Amino acid sequence: MKPFGSQWRFPVAGATVALIGSGCAAVLILTNPKPDDYADHAGQQLVGLLTQELCRSNGLPMLLRMWVRDCPQIVASQQQVLASLAARFTTRLNLGVASVYTTQLGGGRTWFPG
């Protein structure tokens, strides 16, 4: 004959694991980033990359460097434009609890018309 407490040990443990797993899945679903959130993030990343590429000492031609006084601020002011460009060329794979965003920079698609 089994002791009384051992009968309940496995169903309670299984229910606890299921409850914790369901709670974790619910949190992941609620915090899954929306396309607008990704576009904002991509805009911030592009501002950082462009600032590094354009605003360093050899990023712009000398004549343009003399004309542009605050290169990082000019690039940062274009964050919304860069975010909308990134959103146009991004595909989303929505897995429910997570999303995989893929942004193609170049490779057959052109960023700027004409």
C-alpha atoms as a PDB file:
ATOM      1  CA  MET A   1       0.000   0.000   0.000  1.00  0.00           C
ATOM      2  CA  LYS A   2       1.340   3.436  -0.959  1.00  0.00           C
ATOM      3  CA  PRO A   3       1.562   6.224   1.565  1.00  0.00           C
ATOM      4  CA  PHE A   4      -1.138   8.879   1.196  1.00  0.00           C
ATOM      5  CA  GLY A   5       1.258  11.759   0.362  1.00  0.00           C
ATOM      6  CA  SER A   6       3.013   9.999  -2.551  1.00  0.00           C
ATOM      7  CA  GLN A   7      -0.203   9.806  -4.603  1.00  0.00           C
ATOM      8  CA  TRP A   8      -0.428  13.584  -4.841  1.00  0.00           C
ATOM      9  CA  ARG A   9       3.210  14.380  -5.414  1.00  0.00           C
ATOM     10  CA  PHE A  10       3.336  13.819  -9.206  1.00  0.00           C
ATOM     11  CA  PRO A  11       0.038  15.494 -10.204  1.00  0.00           C
ATOM     12  CA  VAL A  12       0.901  18.558  -8.099  1.00  0.00           C
ATOM     13  CA  ALA A  13       4.398  18.747  -9.580  1.00  0.00           C
ATOM     14  CA  GLY A  14       3.021  18.366 -13.108  1.00  0.00           C
ATOM     15  CA  ALA A  15       0.376  21.010 -12.511  1.00  0.00           C
ATOM     16  CA  THR A  16       3.003  23.354 -11.065  1.00  0.00           C
ATOM     17  CA  VAL A  17       5.254  22.900 -14.098  1.00  0.00           C
ATOM     18  CA  ALA A  18       2.304  23.438 -16.457  1.00  0.00           C
ATOM     19  CA  LEU A  19       1.257  26.573 -14.578  1.00  0.00           C
ATOM     20  CA  ILE A  20       4.784  28.027 -14.632  1.00  0.00           C
ATOM     21  CA  GLY A  21       5.173  27.141 -18.330  1.00  0.00           C
ATOM     22  CA  SER A  22       1.841  28.754 -19.175  1.00  0.00           C
ATOM     23  CA  GLY A  23       2.801  31.881 -17.242  1.00  0.00           C
ATOM     24  CA  CYS A  24       6.139  32.118 -19.059  1.00  0.00           C
ATOM     25  CA  ALA A  25       4.434  31.665 -22.447  1.00  0.00           C
ATOM     26  CA  ALA A  26       1.886  34.358 -21.586  1.00  0.00           C
ATOM     27  CA  VAL A  27       4.650  36.796 -20.625  1.00  0.00           C
ATOM     28  CA  LEU A  28       6.510  36.062 -23.883  1.00  0.00           C
ATOM     29  CA  ILE A  29       3.341  36.581 -25.934  1.00  0.00           C
ATOM     30  CA  LEU A  30       2.611  39.892 -24.222  1.00  0.00           C
ATOM     31  CA  THR A  31       6.170  41.173 -24.666  1.00  0.00           C
ATOM     32  CA  ASN A  32       6.582  39.986 -28.275  1.00  0.00           C
ATOM     33  CA  PRO A  33       7.733  43.130 -30.129  1.00  0.00           C
ATOM     34  CA  LYS A  34       5.366  44.671 -32.664  1.00  0.00           C
ATOM     35  CA  PRO A  35       6.620  45.847 -36.087  1.00  0.00           C
ATOM     36  CA  ASP A  36       6.521  49.487 -34.934  1.00  0.00           C
ATOM     37  CA  ASP A  37       8.721  48.647 -31.947  1.00  0.00           C
ATOM     38  CA  TYR A  38      11.183  46.907 -34.255  1.00  0.00           C
ATOM     39  CA  ALA A  39      11.186  49.870 -36.657  1.00  0.00           C
ATOM     40  CA  ASP A  40      12.088  52.218 -33.788  1.00  0.00           C
ATOM     41  CA  HIS A  41      14.886  49.886 -32.721  1.00  0.00           C
ATOM     42  CA  ALA A  42      16.160  49.565 -36.296  1.00  0.00           C
ATOM     43  CA  GLY A  43      16.128  53.365 -36.647  1.00  0.00           C
ATOM     44  CA  GLN A  44      18.261  53.710 -33.522  1.00  0.00           C
ATOM     45  CA  GLN A  45      20.700  51.080 -34.779  1.00  0.00           C
ATOM     46  CA  LEU A  46      20.957  52.726 -38.206  1.00  0.00           C
ATOM     47  CA  VAL A  47      21.621  56.119 -36.610  1.00  0.00           C
ATOM     48  CA  GLY A  48      24.496  54.582 -34.665  1.00  0.00           C
ATOM     49  CA  LEU A  49      25.938  52.844 -37.713  1.00  0.00           C
ATOM     50  CA  LEU A  50      25.635  55.889 -39.966  1.00  0.00           C
ATOM     51  CA  THR A  51      27.153  58.139 -37.314  1.00  0.00           C
ATOM     52  CA  GLN A  52      30.159  55.832 -37.126  1.00  0.00           C
ATOM     53  CA  GLU A  53      30.494  55.601 -40.901  1.00  0.00           C
ATOM     54  CA  LEU A  54      29.835  59.206 -41.908  1.00  0.00           C
ATOM     55  CA  CYS A  55      30.962  61.325 -38.982  1.00  0.00           C
ATOM     56  CA  ARG A  56      34.406  59.903 -38.406  1.00  0.00           C
ATOM     57  CA  SER A  57      37.434  61.682 -39.846  1.00  0.00           C
ATOM     58  CA  ASN A  58      37.443  59.998 -43.264  1.00  0.00           C
ATOM     59  CA  GLY A  59      33.701  59.319 -43.635  1.00  0.00           C
ATOM     60  CA  LEU A  60      32.816  62.477 -45.549  1.00  0.00           C
ATOM     61  CA  PRO A  61      34.868  64.354 -48.135  1.00  0.00           C
ATOM     62  CA  MET A  62      36.869  67.266 -46.705  1.00  0.00           C
ATOM     63  CA  LEU A  63      34.753  69.962 -48.382  1.00  0.00           C
ATOM     64  CA  LEU A  64      31.571  68.469 -46.985  1.00  0.00           C
ATOM     65  CA  ARG A  65      33.127  68.137 -43.512  1.00  0.00           C
ATOM     66  CA  MET A  66      33.841  71.866 -43.487  1.00  0.00           C
ATOM     67  CA  TRP A  67      30.220  72.611 -44.410  1.00  0.00           C
ATOM     68  CA  VAL A  68      28.578  70.132 -41.981  1.00  0.00           C
ATOM     69  CA  ARG A  69      29.146  71.339 -38.423  1.00  0.00           C
ATOM     70  CA  ASP A  70      27.323  68.758 -36.287  1.00  0.00           C
ATOM     71  CA  CYS A  71      27.290  65.528 -38.234  1.00  0.00           C
ATOM     72  CA  PRO A  72      26.007  63.252 -35.406  1.00  0.00           C
ATOM     73  CA  GLN A  73      23.075  65.588 -34.749  1.00  0.00           C
ATOM     74  CA  ILE A  74      22.158  65.699 -38.439  1.00  0.00           C
ATOM     75  CA  VAL A  75      22.181  61.904 -38.638  1.00  0.00           C
ATOM     76  CA  ALA A  76      20.192  61.597 -35.381  1.00  0.00           C
ATOM     77  CA  SER A  77      17.548  63.990 -36.704  1.00  0.00           C
ATOM     78  CA  GLN A  78      16.803  61.488 -39.473  1.00  0.00           C
ATOM     79  CA  GLN A  79      15.978  58.603 -37.124  1.00  0.00           C
ATOM     80  CA  GLN A  80      12.278  58.465 -38.052  1.00  0.00           C
ATOM     81  CA  VAL A  81      13.094  58.432 -41.764  1.00  0.00           C
ATOM     82  CA  LEU A  82      15.624  55.650 -41.257  1.00  0.00           C
ATOM     83  CA  ALA A  83      13.123  53.707 -39.143  1.00  0.00           C
ATOM     84  CA  SER A  84      10.459  53.920 -41.851  1.00  0.00           C
ATOM     85  CA  LEU A  85      12.986  52.820 -44.497  1.00  0.00           C
ATOM     86  CA  ALA A  86      13.995  49.856 -42.361  1.00  0.00           C
ATOM     87  CA  ALA A  87      10.327  48.943 -41.818  1.00  0.00           C
ATOM     88  CA  ARG A  88       9.720  48.898 -45.577  1.00  0.00           C
ATOM     89  CA  PHE A  89      12.451  46.330 -46.137  1.00  0.00           C
ATOM     90  CA  THR A  90      11.814  44.119 -43.106  1.00  0.00           C
ATOM     91  CA  THR A  91       9.999  40.802 -42.983  1.00  0.00           C
ATOM     92  CA  ARG A  92       8.606  39.339 -39.775  1.00  0.00           C
ATOM     93  CA  LEU A  93       8.300  35.686 -38.834  1.00  0.00           C
ATOM     94  CA  ASN A  94       5.822  35.673 -35.945  1.00  0.00           C
ATOM     95  CA  LEU A  95       6.155  32.564 -33.789  1.00  0.00           C
ATOM     96  CA  GLY A  96       3.640  33.721 -31.188  1.00  0.00           C
ATOM     97  CA  VAL A  97       6.045  33.748 -28.258  1.00  0.00           C
ATOM     98  CA  ALA A  98       8.838  35.351 -30.306  1.00  0.00           C
ATOM     99  CA  SER A  99       9.328  37.134 -33.600  1.00  0.00           C
ATOM    100  CA  VAL A 100      12.217  36.948 -36.024  1.00  0.00           C
ATOM    101  CA  TYR A 101      12.753  40.166 -37.983  1.00  0.00           C
ATOM    102  CA  THR A 102      14.924  40.166 -41.114  1.00  0.00           C
ATOM    103  CA  THR A 103      15.951  43.442 -42.711  1.00  0.00           C
ATOM    104  CA  GLN A 104      17.643  43.282 -46.091  1.00  0.00           C
ATOM    105  CA  LEU A 105      20.107  46.055 -46.726  1.00  0.00           C
ATOM    106  CA  GLY A 106      20.829  46.018 -50.456  1.00  0.00           C
ATOM    107  CA  GLY A 107      20.854  42.693 -52.246  1.00  0.00           C
ATOM    108  CA  GLY A 108      18.469  43.410 -55.109  1.00  0.00           C
ATOM    109  CA  ARG A 109      16.229  45.884 -53.329  1.00  0.00           C
ATOM    110  CA  THR A 110      16.926  49.556 -53.551  1.00  0.00           C
ATOM    111  CA  TRP A 111      16.474  51.781 -50.521  1.00  0.00           C
ATOM    112  CA  PHE A 112      16.013  54.994 -52.430  1.00  0.00           C
ATOM    113  CA  PRO A 113      13.818  55.259 -55.523  1.00  0.00           C
ATOM    114  CA  GLY A 114      15.557  56.333 -58.682  1.00  0.00           C
END
